[in-house]
Amino acid sequence: MAITREEVRHIARLARIALSDSEVDSFGDQIGKLLDYTKQLDRLDTNAVAPTIHLADTGTLLRDDIVCPFEDTEAILKSATDRAGDFFRVPRILE
């Protein structure tokens, strides 16, 4: 599958990579060969294969979100560089 020099430059720009003209040609050839190779997957018959979301059936790995009070608030707050009462004060990031 052919990939144009403009497409290679666009991909490089998205990846924040500077490429010389010779690198654009080289990567264009390599990406084209990779796309040709992956086209082989289109020939596979996957009708009998059940769709999967994950390779391992592990269920959800997230714990329940349970509020647990912490008794020694002062121990945590004394490490704050700036605080307001019982809260951490952080720099404003939104206008």
N, C-alpha and C. Protein backbone atom coordinates (compact mmCIF):
# COMPACT_ATOMS: atom_id res chain seq x y z
N MET A 1 0.86 -1.17 0.00
CA MET A 1 0.00 0.00 0.00
C MET A 1 0.90 1.23 0.00
N ALA A 2 0.70 2.06 -0.95
CA ALA A 2 1.54 3.25 -1.08
C ALA A 2 1.09 4.31 -0.08
N ILE A 3 2.08 4.99 0.45
CA ILE A 3 1.81 6.11 1.35
C ILE A 3 2.57 7.32 0.80
N THR A 4 1.92 8.44 0.73
CA THR A 4 2.53 9.62 0.11
C THR A 4 3.51 10.29 1.06
N ARG A 5 4.38 11.09 0.46
CA ARG A 5 5.35 11.86 1.27
C ARG A 5 4.61 12.80 2.22
N GLU A 6 3.48 13.37 1.76
CA GLU A 6 2.71 14.28 2.60
C GLU A 6 2.14 13.54 3.81
N GLU A 7 1.70 12.30 3.60
CA GLU A 7 1.18 11.50 4.72
C GLU A 7 2.29 11.18 5.73
N VAL A 8 3.48 10.88 5.22
CA VAL A 8 4.61 10.62 6.12
C VAL A 8 4.95 11.87 6.91
N ARG A 9 4.97 13.00 6.23
CA ARG A 9 5.25 14.27 6.93
C ARG A 9 4.17 14.58 7.97
N HIS A 10 2.92 14.29 7.63
CA HIS A 10 1.82 14.52 8.57
C HIS A 10 1.98 13.63 9.81
N ILE A 11 2.28 12.36 9.60
CA ILE A 11 2.50 11.44 10.73
C ILE A 11 3.67 11.92 11.58
N ALA A 12 4.76 12.34 10.92
CA ALA A 12 5.93 12.84 11.66
C ALA A 12 5.58 14.08 12.46
N ARG A 13 4.77 14.96 11.87
CA ARG A 13 4.36 16.18 12.58
C ARG A 13 3.52 15.83 13.80
N LEU A 14 2.61 14.86 13.66
CA LEU A 14 1.79 14.43 14.79
C LEU A 14 2.64 13.83 15.90
N ALA A 15 3.71 13.12 15.50
CA ALA A 15 4.61 12.48 16.48
C ALA A 15 5.70 13.44 16.95
N ARG A 16 5.67 14.67 16.44
CA ARG A 16 6.67 15.69 16.80
C ARG A 16 8.08 15.21 16.48
N ILE A 17 8.23 14.61 15.27
CA ILE A 17 9.53 14.11 14.82
C ILE A 17 9.94 14.89 13.57
N ALA A 18 11.15 15.40 13.57
CA ALA A 18 11.68 16.08 12.40
C ALA A 18 12.36 15.05 11.51
N LEU A 19 11.98 15.04 10.23
CA LEU A 19 12.54 14.08 9.28
C LEU A 19 13.19 14.82 8.11
N SER A 20 14.33 14.31 7.66
CA SER A 20 14.95 14.84 6.45
C SER A 20 14.21 14.25 5.25
N ASP A 21 14.50 14.78 4.06
CA ASP A 21 13.83 14.27 2.85
C ASP A 21 14.13 12.79 2.63
N SER A 22 15.37 12.37 2.88
CA SER A 22 15.71 10.96 2.69
C SER A 22 15.00 10.08 3.73
N GLU A 23 14.81 10.60 4.93
CA GLU A 23 14.08 9.84 5.96
C GLU A 23 12.60 9.73 5.60
N VAL A 24 12.04 10.78 5.00
CA VAL A 24 10.65 10.73 4.57
C VAL A 24 10.46 9.60 3.56
N ASP A 25 11.38 9.51 2.59
CA ASP A 25 11.30 8.44 1.60
C ASP A 25 11.48 7.07 2.24
N SER A 26 12.45 6.95 3.12
CA SER A 26 12.73 5.67 3.77
C SER A 26 11.56 5.22 4.64
N PHE A 27 11.04 6.13 5.45
CA PHE A 27 9.90 5.77 6.31
C PHE A 27 8.65 5.51 5.49
N GLY A 28 8.48 6.21 4.39
CA GLY A 28 7.34 5.97 3.52
C GLY A 28 7.37 4.55 2.97
N ASP A 29 8.55 4.10 2.54
CA ASP A 29 8.68 2.72 2.05
C ASP A 29 8.40 1.73 3.16
N GLN A 30 8.96 1.98 4.35
CA GLN A 30 8.79 1.05 5.48
C GLN A 30 7.32 0.98 5.92
N ILE A 31 6.67 2.12 6.02
CA ILE A 31 5.26 2.13 6.43
C ILE A 31 4.41 1.42 5.38
N GLY A 32 4.71 1.65 4.10
CA GLY A 32 3.98 0.97 3.03
C GLY A 32 4.11 -0.54 3.12
N LYS A 33 5.33 -1.03 3.37
CA LYS A 33 5.56 -2.48 3.52
C LYS A 33 4.81 -3.02 4.73
N LEU A 34 4.81 -2.26 5.81
CA LEU A 34 4.10 -2.69 7.02
C LEU A 34 2.60 -2.78 6.76
N LEU A 35 2.05 -1.80 6.08
CA LEU A 35 0.62 -1.82 5.77
C LEU A 35 0.28 -2.97 4.82
N ASP A 36 1.16 -3.25 3.85
CA ASP A 36 0.94 -4.39 2.95
C ASP A 36 0.94 -5.69 3.74
N TYR A 37 1.86 -5.81 4.67
CA TYR A 37 1.96 -7.03 5.48
C TYR A 37 0.70 -7.23 6.33
N THR A 38 0.21 -6.16 6.94
CA THR A 38 -0.97 -6.29 7.79
C THR A 38 -2.24 -6.53 6.98
N LYS A 39 -2.22 -6.24 5.68
CA LYS A 39 -3.37 -6.52 4.82
C LYS A 39 -3.66 -8.02 4.76
N GLN A 40 -2.66 -8.85 5.08
CA GLN A 40 -2.87 -10.30 5.08
C GLN A 40 -3.96 -10.69 6.07
N LEU A 41 -4.15 -9.90 7.10
CA LEU A 41 -5.18 -10.21 8.09
C LEU A 41 -6.58 -10.17 7.48
N ASP A 42 -6.76 -9.40 6.41
CA ASP A 42 -8.07 -9.33 5.76
C ASP A 42 -8.49 -10.67 5.16
N ARG A 43 -7.52 -11.53 4.87
CA ARG A 43 -7.82 -12.82 4.25
C ARG A 43 -8.23 -13.88 5.27
N LEU A 44 -8.08 -13.60 6.54
CA LEU A 44 -8.41 -14.58 7.57
C LEU A 44 -9.92 -14.67 7.77
N ASP A 45 -10.42 -15.89 7.93
CA ASP A 45 -11.84 -16.10 8.21
C ASP A 45 -12.02 -16.08 9.73
N THR A 46 -12.65 -15.03 10.23
CA THR A 46 -12.83 -14.87 11.67
C THR A 46 -14.29 -15.04 12.09
N ASN A 47 -15.10 -15.61 11.22
CA ASN A 47 -16.53 -15.76 11.53
C ASN A 47 -16.77 -16.64 12.76
N ALA A 48 -15.93 -17.64 12.97
CA ALA A 48 -16.13 -18.56 14.10
C ALA A 48 -15.42 -18.08 15.37
N VAL A 49 -14.80 -16.93 15.32
CA VAL A 49 -14.06 -16.41 16.47
C VAL A 49 -14.96 -15.45 17.24
N ALA A 50 -15.13 -15.73 18.53
CA ALA A 50 -15.96 -14.86 19.36
C ALA A 50 -15.25 -13.53 19.59
N PRO A 51 -15.98 -12.43 19.51
CA PRO A 51 -15.35 -11.13 19.76
C PRO A 51 -14.89 -11.02 21.21
N THR A 52 -13.77 -10.37 21.41
CA THR A 52 -13.25 -10.17 22.76
C THR A 52 -12.92 -8.71 22.97
N ILE A 53 -12.98 -8.32 24.21
CA ILE A 53 -12.57 -6.97 24.57
C ILE A 53 -11.18 -7.02 25.20
N HIS A 54 -10.96 -8.05 26.01
CA HIS A 54 -9.67 -8.24 26.67
C HIS A 54 -9.16 -9.63 26.36
N LEU A 55 -7.86 -9.77 26.37
CA LEU A 55 -7.27 -11.09 26.12
C LEU A 55 -7.49 -12.02 27.30
N ALA A 56 -7.52 -11.49 28.49
CA ALA A 56 -7.71 -12.31 29.68
C ALA A 56 -9.04 -11.96 30.32
N ASP A 57 -9.79 -12.96 30.70
CA ASP A 57 -11.08 -12.73 31.34
C ASP A 57 -10.86 -12.56 32.84
N THR A 58 -10.48 -11.37 33.24
CA THR A 58 -10.16 -11.11 34.64
C THR A 58 -11.26 -10.36 35.37
N GLY A 59 -12.25 -9.91 34.65
CA GLY A 59 -13.27 -9.09 35.30
C GLY A 59 -12.71 -7.70 35.57
N THR A 60 -13.45 -6.93 36.29
CA THR A 60 -12.97 -5.59 36.61
C THR A 60 -11.90 -5.64 37.70
N LEU A 61 -10.85 -4.91 37.48
CA LEU A 61 -9.75 -4.89 38.44
C LEU A 61 -9.82 -3.68 39.36
N LEU A 62 -10.86 -2.88 39.20
CA LEU A 62 -10.98 -1.67 40.01
C LEU A 62 -11.66 -1.99 41.33
N ARG A 63 -11.20 -1.35 42.37
CA ARG A 63 -11.81 -1.55 43.68
C ARG A 63 -13.02 -0.64 43.81
N ASP A 64 -13.87 -0.96 44.77
CA ASP A 64 -15.01 -0.09 45.04
C ASP A 64 -14.52 1.24 45.58
N ASP A 65 -15.20 2.30 45.22
CA ASP A 65 -14.85 3.64 45.68
C ASP A 65 -15.54 3.88 47.01
N ILE A 66 -14.82 3.61 48.08
CA ILE A 66 -15.37 3.72 49.43
C ILE A 66 -14.64 4.83 50.17
N VAL A 67 -15.40 5.72 50.77
CA VAL A 67 -14.81 6.80 51.55
C VAL A 67 -14.34 6.24 52.89
N CYS A 68 -13.06 6.49 53.18
CA CYS A 68 -12.49 6.04 54.45
C CYS A 68 -11.92 7.26 55.16
N PRO A 69 -12.45 7.61 56.30
CA PRO A 69 -11.93 8.78 57.02
C PRO A 69 -10.48 8.52 57.47
N PHE A 70 -9.70 9.60 57.45
CA PHE A 70 -8.31 9.53 57.90
C PHE A 70 -8.22 10.35 59.18
N GLU A 71 -7.73 9.74 60.22
CA GLU A 71 -7.74 10.38 61.54
C GLU A 71 -6.69 11.47 61.71
N ASP A 72 -5.51 11.30 61.11
CA ASP A 72 -4.41 12.24 61.36
C ASP A 72 -4.24 13.20 60.17
N THR A 73 -5.22 14.07 59.97
CA THR A 73 -5.20 15.03 58.87
C THR A 73 -3.98 15.94 58.96
N GLU A 74 -3.62 16.34 60.15
CA GLU A 74 -2.48 17.26 60.34
C GLU A 74 -1.18 16.65 59.83
N ALA A 75 -1.01 15.35 59.96
CA ALA A 75 0.20 14.68 59.48
C ALA A 75 0.35 14.85 57.97
N ILE A 76 -0.76 14.81 57.24
CA ILE A 76 -0.71 14.99 55.79
C ILE A 76 -0.54 16.46 55.44
N LEU A 77 -1.29 17.32 56.12
CA LEU A 77 -1.26 18.75 55.78
C LEU A 77 0.05 19.43 56.13
N LYS A 78 0.83 18.89 57.05
CA LYS A 78 2.09 19.57 57.40
C LYS A 78 3.12 19.45 56.27
N SER A 79 2.91 18.57 55.31
CA SER A 79 3.82 18.47 54.17
C SER A 79 3.43 19.44 53.04
N ALA A 80 2.31 20.13 53.18
CA ALA A 80 1.84 21.06 52.14
C ALA A 80 2.74 22.28 52.09
N THR A 81 3.08 22.72 50.87
CA THR A 81 3.86 23.94 50.73
C THR A 81 3.00 25.18 50.96
N ASP A 82 1.69 25.04 50.69
CA ASP A 82 0.76 26.15 50.92
C ASP A 82 -0.58 25.53 51.28
N ARG A 83 -1.18 26.01 52.33
CA ARG A 83 -2.46 25.47 52.74
C ARG A 83 -3.40 26.55 53.22
N ALA A 84 -4.67 26.22 53.19
CA ALA A 84 -5.70 27.13 53.67
C ALA A 84 -6.58 26.31 54.61
N GLY A 85 -6.34 26.44 55.88
CA GLY A 85 -7.08 25.67 56.87
C GLY A 85 -6.77 24.20 56.75
N ASP A 86 -7.77 23.38 56.51
CA ASP A 86 -7.58 21.94 56.36
C ASP A 86 -7.48 21.50 54.90
N PHE A 87 -7.07 22.43 54.02
CA PHE A 87 -7.01 22.13 52.60
C PHE A 87 -5.64 22.49 52.03
N PHE A 88 -5.24 21.77 50.97
CA PHE A 88 -4.04 22.15 50.22
C PHE A 88 -4.41 23.30 49.31
N ARG A 89 -3.54 24.29 49.22
CA ARG A 89 -3.75 25.39 48.27
C ARG A 89 -2.82 25.11 47.09
N VAL A 90 -3.41 25.13 45.89
CA VAL A 90 -2.64 24.83 44.68
C VAL A 90 -2.76 26.01 43.71
N PRO A 91 -1.82 26.13 42.77
CA PRO A 91 -1.91 27.22 41.82
C PRO A 91 -3.16 27.13 40.97
N ARG A 92 -3.72 28.27 40.63
CA ARG A 92 -4.91 28.32 39.78
C ARG A 92 -4.53 27.92 38.36
N ILE A 93 -5.30 27.02 37.76
CA ILE A 93 -5.00 26.61 36.38
C ILE A 93 -6.10 27.01 35.41
N LEU A 94 -7.25 27.40 35.89
CA LEU A 94 -8.34 27.82 35.03
C LEU A 94 -8.62 29.29 35.26
N GLU A 95 -9.01 29.96 34.19
CA GLU A 95 -9.33 31.38 34.30
C GLU A 95 -10.75 31.55 34.76
